[in-house]
Protein backbone atom coordinates (compact mmCIF):
# COMPACT_ATOMS: atom_id res chain seq x y z
CA MET A 1 -5.58 56.94 10.00
CA SER A 2 -7.52 53.76 10.76
CA ARG A 3 -11.32 53.67 10.32
CA PRO A 4 -12.68 50.62 12.24
CA PRO A 5 -14.18 48.19 11.76
CA LEU A 6 -11.47 46.86 9.48
CA PRO A 7 -11.54 44.14 6.87
CA PRO A 8 -11.80 41.24 6.61
CA PHE A 9 -15.39 41.71 7.77
CA THR A 10 -17.57 39.40 9.84
CA ALA A 11 -21.37 39.59 9.86
CA GLU A 12 -21.14 41.75 13.00
CA THR A 13 -18.44 44.13 11.77
CA ALA A 14 -20.01 44.47 8.30
CA ALA A 15 -23.37 45.42 9.89
CA TRP A 16 -21.56 47.89 12.15
CA LYS A 17 -19.77 49.44 9.14
CA VAL A 18 -23.13 49.83 7.37
CA ARG A 19 -24.69 51.56 10.39
CA LEU A 20 -21.73 53.92 10.72
CA ALA A 21 -22.15 54.87 7.05
CA GLU A 22 -25.89 55.41 7.52
CA ASP A 23 -25.28 57.62 10.55
CA ALA A 24 -22.70 59.70 8.68
CA TRP A 25 -24.94 60.21 5.64
CA ASN A 26 -27.90 61.16 7.87
CA SER A 27 -25.71 63.93 9.33
CA ARG A 28 -25.76 65.51 5.85
CA ASP A 29 -22.27 66.89 6.52
CA PRO A 30 -20.23 66.37 3.32
CA GLU A 31 -16.86 66.97 5.02
CA THR A 32 -17.55 64.41 7.76
CA VAL A 33 -18.90 61.86 5.29
CA SER A 34 -15.87 62.27 3.00
CA LEU A 35 -13.48 61.17 5.77
CA ALA A 36 -14.74 57.57 5.44
CA TYR A 37 -13.26 57.41 1.92
CA THR A 38 -9.68 57.18 0.71
CA PRO A 39 -8.25 60.45 -0.65
CA GLU A 40 -8.46 58.92 -4.16
CA SER A 41 -11.73 57.01 -3.68
CA ARG A 42 -13.57 56.15 -6.91
CA TRP A 43 -17.35 56.50 -7.09
CA ARG A 44 -20.13 55.77 -9.49
CA ASN A 45 -23.35 57.30 -8.24
CA ARG A 46 -26.12 56.73 -10.78
CA SER A 47 -24.52 58.12 -13.96
CA THR A 48 -22.01 60.35 -12.15
CA PHE A 49 -18.39 59.24 -11.84
CA LEU A 50 -16.14 60.85 -9.21
CA THR A 51 -12.60 60.48 -7.94
CA GLY A 52 -11.30 61.86 -4.64
CA ARG A 53 -12.57 63.45 -1.47
CA THR A 54 -12.87 66.96 -2.90
CA ALA A 55 -15.19 65.69 -5.62
CA ILE A 56 -17.14 63.70 -3.01
CA VAL A 57 -17.61 66.78 -0.81
CA ASP A 58 -18.78 68.87 -3.79
CA PHE A 59 -21.14 66.10 -4.95
CA LEU A 60 -22.70 65.61 -1.49
CA ALA A 61 -23.11 69.35 -0.87
CA GLU A 62 -25.07 69.65 -4.12
CA LYS A 63 -27.03 66.45 -3.40
CA TRP A 64 -28.25 67.73 -0.04
CA ARG A 65 -29.10 71.16 -1.44
CA LYS A 66 -31.44 69.35 -3.85
CA GLU A 67 -32.62 66.52 -1.57
CA GLN A 68 -34.19 68.31 1.39
CA GLU A 69 -35.52 66.58 4.53
CA TYR A 70 -33.21 63.66 3.65
CA ARG A 71 -33.57 60.53 5.83
CA LEU A 72 -31.78 57.28 5.00
CA ILE A 73 -31.86 53.64 6.11
CA LYS A 74 -29.14 51.22 4.97
CA GLU A 75 -29.16 47.44 5.37
CA LEU A 76 -26.37 44.92 4.94
CA TRP A 77 -26.99 42.68 1.94
CA ALA A 78 -23.74 40.66 1.69
CA PHE A 79 -20.05 40.80 2.57
CA GLU A 80 -16.79 39.00 1.89
CA GLY A 81 -13.24 39.95 2.77
CA ASN A 82 -12.90 43.70 2.20
CA ARG A 83 -16.20 44.13 0.32
CA ILE A 84 -19.72 44.93 1.49
CA ALA A 85 -22.97 45.08 -0.51
CA VAL A 86 -25.73 47.29 0.87
CA ARG A 87 -29.31 48.06 -0.02
CA PHE A 88 -30.79 51.36 1.06
CA VAL A 89 -33.84 53.57 0.90
CA TYR A 90 -34.06 57.27 1.58
CA GLU A 91 -36.87 59.79 1.54
CA TRP A 92 -36.55 63.43 0.56
CA ARG A 93 -38.43 66.33 -0.91
CA ASP A 94 -37.46 68.74 -3.64
CA ALA A 95 -37.64 72.54 -3.55
CA ALA A 96 -41.19 72.41 -4.94
CA GLY A 97 -42.32 70.26 -1.98
CA ARG A 98 -42.68 66.98 -3.92
CA TRP A 99 -41.68 63.87 -1.97
CA PHE A 100 -39.61 60.95 -3.24
CA ARG A 101 -38.47 57.58 -1.99
CA SER A 102 -35.14 56.54 -3.50
CA HIS A 103 -34.23 52.83 -3.56
CA GLY A 104 -30.72 51.65 -4.23
CA ASN A 105 -27.87 49.22 -3.94
CA GLU A 106 -24.23 49.94 -3.24
CA ASN A 107 -21.09 47.88 -3.61
CA TRP A 108 -18.23 48.98 -1.39
CA GLU A 109 -14.55 48.06 -1.40
CA PHE A 110 -12.30 48.99 1.55
CA ASP A 111 -8.56 49.38 1.96
CA GLU A 112 -6.62 47.74 4.80
CA VAL A 113 -7.25 50.64 7.23
CA GLY A 114 -11.03 50.59 6.72
CA LEU A 115 -11.41 53.51 4.29
CA MET A 116 -13.70 53.02 1.33
CA ALA A 117 -11.66 52.92 -1.87
CA ALA A 118 -14.59 52.31 -4.25
CA ARG A 119 -18.34 52.89 -4.13
CA HIS A 120 -20.74 51.86 -6.89
CA ALA A 121 -24.36 52.99 -6.40
CA SER A 122 -27.47 52.28 -8.46
CA ILE A 123 -30.51 54.33 -7.41
CA ASN A 124 -34.12 54.75 -8.55
CA ASP A 125 -36.41 57.59 -7.43
CA VAL A 126 -40.12 56.99 -6.90
CA PRO A 127 -42.51 59.92 -6.34
CA ILE A 128 -44.61 59.45 -3.18
CA ASP A 129 -47.33 61.41 -1.43
CA GLU A 130 -46.29 63.07 1.81
CA ALA A 131 -48.88 60.89 3.59
CA ASP A 132 -46.97 57.78 2.39
CA ARG A 133 -43.69 58.76 4.06
CA LEU A 134 -42.29 56.16 6.46
CA PHE A 135 -39.18 57.94 7.81
CA HIS A 136 -40.33 60.49 10.42
CA TRP A 137 -37.50 60.83 12.92
CA PRO A 138 -35.92 64.26 13.53
CA GLN A 139 -33.07 65.15 11.12
CA GLY A 140 -29.92 63.26 12.02
CA ARG A 141 -29.22 59.73 13.22
CA ARG A 142 -32.04 57.21 12.85
CA PRO A 143 -33.23 56.13 16.31
CA ASP A 144 -32.19 52.57 17.24
CA ALA A 145 -35.83 51.60 17.82
CA HIS A 146 -36.91 52.70 14.31
CA ALA A 147 -37.92 49.86 11.99
CA SER A 148 -35.37 48.50 9.50
CA LEU A 149 -35.98 48.26 5.76
CA SER A 150 -36.95 44.61 6.13
CA GLU A 151 -39.34 45.40 8.98
CA LEU A 152 -40.93 48.14 6.85
CA GLY A 153 -41.34 45.78 3.92
CA LEU A 154 -39.04 47.87 1.76
């Protein structure tokens, strides 16, 4: 199964790939998100190492149980051939109602049919006051008119 856009990436197709990933993650549907990865995809997410779609689904289901009201913005940082580097920020609250803004970088490597074969993510969580939140759209896809990370100064 092909998952366009396909490598080698251009500035336009890399940005499109990043937006598709953002949209999928904002759905908070682990099964749907997992379909963007190869069946044997390798991940490093913070200090967690995963291999395969089943592990990805389990990881994301637990992530979104913990990270409530999750809203994410991704931005293309760099690309070459079949690799893309992304920076991202997401906001969420925990079960106790405390808000966080998580900042991170990802390095992605794709196979020839556009599935992600490797994902390496480094992420830092910063506590914020609810009044300092910047991501206020309804759950789901970020509206096209919403400010980017650069426009928000993040």
